[in-house]
N, C-alpha and C. Protein backbone atom coordinates (compact mmCIF):
# COMPACT_ATOMS: atom_id res chain seq x y z
N MET A 1 -3.63 -188.03 202.83
CA MET A 1 -2.97 -187.26 201.75
C MET A 1 -2.00 -188.28 201.06
N LEU A 2 -2.10 -188.39 199.91
CA LEU A 2 -1.03 -189.41 199.09
C LEU A 2 0.23 -189.02 199.05
N SER A 3 1.16 -190.01 199.05
CA SER A 3 2.71 -189.62 198.96
C SER A 3 3.01 -189.44 197.56
N LYS A 4 4.26 -189.05 197.45
CA LYS A 4 4.67 -188.94 195.97
C LYS A 4 4.65 -190.37 195.24
N GLU A 5 5.21 -191.41 195.80
CA GLU A 5 5.09 -192.58 195.14
C GLU A 5 3.62 -192.82 194.98
N GLU A 6 2.59 -192.82 195.53
CA GLU A 6 1.29 -193.06 195.28
C GLU A 6 0.92 -192.23 194.16
N LYS A 7 1.16 -191.02 194.22
CA LYS A 7 0.66 -190.01 193.08
C LYS A 7 1.35 -190.60 191.89
N GLN A 8 2.58 -191.09 191.88
CA GLN A 8 3.24 -191.36 190.74
C GLN A 8 2.39 -192.73 190.17
N GLU A 9 2.26 -193.44 191.00
CA GLU A 9 1.67 -194.72 190.52
C GLU A 9 0.06 -194.46 190.00
N MET A 10 -0.31 -193.58 190.68
CA MET A 10 -1.87 -193.23 190.00
C MET A 10 -1.54 -192.72 188.49
N LEU A 11 -0.77 -191.90 188.29
CA LEU A 11 -0.39 -191.29 186.92
C LEU A 11 0.14 -192.58 185.89
N GLU A 12 0.76 -193.18 186.59
CA GLU A 12 1.10 -194.27 185.42
C GLU A 12 -0.10 -195.19 185.15
N ASP A 13 -0.99 -195.72 186.49
CA ASP A 13 -2.12 -196.54 186.20
C ASP A 13 -2.88 -195.71 185.11
N ALA A 14 -3.22 -194.34 185.17
CA ALA A 14 -4.03 -193.62 184.09
C ALA A 14 -3.58 -193.65 182.81
N LYS A 15 -2.09 -193.83 182.62
CA LYS A 15 -1.59 -193.88 181.26
C LYS A 15 -1.82 -195.16 180.67
N SER A 16 -2.22 -196.42 181.46
CA SER A 16 -2.46 -197.78 180.89
C SER A 16 -3.42 -197.99 180.17
N LYS A 17 -3.42 -198.37 178.59
CA LYS A 17 -4.53 -198.36 178.04
C LYS A 17 -5.22 -199.47 178.62
N LYS A 18 -4.83 -200.71 179.04
CA LYS A 18 -5.54 -201.89 179.61
C LYS A 18 -6.26 -201.51 180.63
N ARG A 19 -5.88 -200.47 181.61
CA ARG A 19 -6.43 -199.94 182.70
C ARG A 19 -7.93 -199.28 182.22
N ARG A 20 -7.59 -198.50 181.26
CA ARG A 20 -8.56 -197.50 180.85
C ARG A 20 -9.71 -198.33 180.45
N ASP A 21 -9.21 -199.30 179.42
CA ASP A 21 -10.33 -200.15 178.92
C ASP A 21 -10.87 -200.82 179.92
N ASN A 22 -10.53 -201.45 181.00
CA ASN A 22 -11.01 -202.16 181.85
C ASN A 22 -12.11 -201.29 182.62
N PHE A 23 -11.83 -199.98 182.97
CA PHE A 23 -12.74 -199.03 183.64
C PHE A 23 -13.92 -198.75 182.67
N ARG A 24 -13.72 -198.65 181.22
CA ARG A 24 -14.81 -198.28 180.32
C ARG A 24 -15.80 -199.62 180.37
N PHE A 25 -15.03 -200.73 180.41
CA PHE A 25 -15.61 -202.02 180.14
C PHE A 25 -16.91 -202.15 181.46
N GLY A 26 -16.18 -201.87 182.45
CA GLY A 26 -16.87 -201.75 183.90
C GLY A 26 -17.91 -200.89 183.98
N ARG A 27 -17.73 -199.59 183.47
CA ARG A 27 -18.82 -198.57 183.46
C ARG A 27 -19.98 -198.96 182.32
N ASP A 28 -19.53 -199.36 181.32
CA ASP A 28 -20.48 -199.44 180.39
C ASP A 28 -21.30 -200.79 180.50
N LYS A 29 -20.53 -202.00 181.07
CA LYS A 29 -21.57 -203.18 181.26
C LYS A 29 -22.60 -203.11 182.06
N ASN A 30 -23.84 -203.69 181.59
CA ASN A 30 -24.77 -203.86 182.38
C ASN A 30 -24.79 -204.82 183.49
N ASN A 31 -24.41 -204.50 184.60
CA ASN A 31 -24.16 -205.58 185.67
C ASN A 31 -25.26 -206.47 186.06
N ASP A 32 -26.48 -206.11 185.97
CA ASP A 32 -27.80 -206.86 186.14
C ASP A 32 -27.66 -208.06 185.31
N ASN A 33 -26.95 -208.07 184.34
CA ASN A 33 -27.12 -209.31 183.41
C ASN A 33 -25.72 -210.32 183.43
N LEU A 34 -24.79 -209.82 184.54
CA LEU A 34 -23.58 -210.39 184.54
C LEU A 34 -23.66 -211.88 184.79
N SER A 35 -23.06 -212.83 184.19
CA SER A 35 -23.31 -214.13 184.35
C SER A 35 -22.35 -214.32 185.44
N PHE A 36 -22.61 -215.71 185.90
CA PHE A 36 -21.54 -216.15 186.99
C PHE A 36 -20.26 -216.31 186.61
N ASP A 37 -19.84 -216.86 185.34
CA ASP A 37 -18.55 -216.87 184.84
C ASP A 37 -17.64 -215.54 184.56
N ASP A 38 -18.74 -214.83 184.23
CA ASP A 38 -18.06 -213.37 184.18
C ASP A 38 -17.65 -212.85 185.58
N TYR A 39 -18.64 -213.21 186.49
CA TYR A 39 -18.44 -212.59 188.01
C TYR A 39 -16.95 -213.46 188.56
N LEU A 40 -16.88 -214.62 187.93
CA LEU A 40 -15.69 -215.34 188.55
C LEU A 40 -14.31 -214.85 187.73
N VAL A 41 -14.46 -214.35 186.62
CA VAL A 41 -13.51 -213.63 185.77
C VAL A 41 -13.10 -212.14 186.73
N PHE A 42 -13.99 -211.62 186.81
CA PHE A 42 -13.59 -210.16 187.69
C PHE A 42 -13.02 -210.62 188.90
N LEU A 43 -13.55 -211.63 189.75
CA LEU A 43 -12.87 -211.99 191.01
C LEU A 43 -11.53 -212.36 190.82
N ASN A 44 -11.28 -213.10 189.72
CA ASN A 44 -9.76 -213.67 189.57
C ASN A 44 -8.85 -212.47 189.19
N GLN A 45 -9.53 -211.22 188.59
CA GLN A 45 -8.81 -210.15 188.17
C GLN A 45 -8.17 -209.19 189.26
N VAL A 46 -9.60 -209.15 190.17
CA VAL A 46 -9.24 -208.46 191.32
C VAL A 46 -8.26 -209.32 192.42
N GLN A 47 -8.24 -210.73 192.66
CA GLN A 47 -7.34 -211.06 193.26
C GLN A 47 -5.88 -211.00 192.79
N GLU A 48 -5.47 -210.92 191.31
CA GLU A 48 -4.27 -210.70 191.08
C GLU A 48 -3.92 -209.37 191.22
N ILE A 49 -4.82 -208.21 191.35
CA ILE A 49 -4.12 -206.85 191.55
C ILE A 49 -3.97 -206.69 193.05
N PHE A 50 -4.73 -207.24 193.84
CA PHE A 50 -4.52 -207.20 195.28
C PHE A 50 -4.06 -208.03 196.19
N SER A 51 -3.34 -209.11 195.52
CA SER A 51 -2.75 -210.13 196.47
C SER A 51 -1.58 -210.32 195.82
N PRO A 52 -0.60 -211.12 196.59
CA PRO A 52 -0.50 -211.32 197.83
C PRO A 52 -0.27 -210.28 198.96
N PHE A 53 -0.81 -210.24 200.17
CA PHE A 53 -0.72 -209.21 201.36
C PHE A 53 0.29 -209.61 202.15
N GLU A 54 1.12 -208.82 202.50
CA GLU A 54 2.08 -209.03 203.83
C GLU A 54 1.33 -209.22 204.97
N VAL A 55 1.58 -210.15 205.67
CA VAL A 55 1.03 -210.43 206.86
C VAL A 55 1.96 -209.36 207.92
N SER A 56 1.14 -208.52 208.61
CA SER A 56 1.75 -207.49 209.57
C SER A 56 1.85 -208.56 211.06
N HIS A 57 2.82 -208.69 211.69
CA HIS A 57 3.05 -209.08 212.97
C HIS A 57 3.07 -208.12 214.07
N SER A 58 3.06 -206.78 213.86
CA SER A 58 3.32 -205.75 214.68
C SER A 58 2.05 -205.53 215.43
N ILE A 59 2.22 -204.83 216.55
CA ILE A 59 0.63 -204.61 217.31
C ILE A 59 0.53 -203.18 216.76
N THR A 60 -0.86 -203.34 216.85
CA THR A 60 -1.37 -202.05 216.48
C THR A 60 -1.56 -201.19 217.62
N PRO A 61 -1.18 -199.88 217.56
CA PRO A 61 -1.33 -198.97 218.72
C PRO A 61 -2.66 -198.51 219.05
N ALA A 62 -3.30 -198.67 220.12
CA ALA A 62 -4.75 -198.41 220.42
C ALA A 62 -4.44 -197.60 221.92
N LYS A 63 -5.16 -196.44 222.08
CA LYS A 63 -5.02 -195.83 223.29
C LYS A 63 -6.38 -195.30 223.76
N LEU A 64 -7.05 -195.06 222.63
CA LEU A 64 -8.52 -194.26 223.17
C LEU A 64 -9.50 -195.18 222.47
N ASN A 65 -9.34 -196.49 222.40
CA ASN A 65 -10.55 -197.40 221.84
C ASN A 65 -11.95 -197.45 223.18
N ARG A 66 -13.07 -197.33 222.76
CA ARG A 66 -14.10 -197.28 223.81
C ARG A 66 -15.17 -197.90 223.12
N ILE A 67 -15.64 -198.67 224.05
CA ILE A 67 -16.94 -199.72 223.78
C ILE A 67 -18.19 -199.19 223.80
């Protein structure tokens, strides 16, 4: 379930014309003919959105792991 903050972020994201255009471009673009340069541009855009990550040093609780 999404928190109130996550819901608000999604609503703000939906209002962004740039994001809307990016989604339309991704939907309409024929990905079979994607050039290597276009792919690198895409990867750079994804990296800007999802990085940097904060490194977690806490131990992940695992009680019921089975192999």
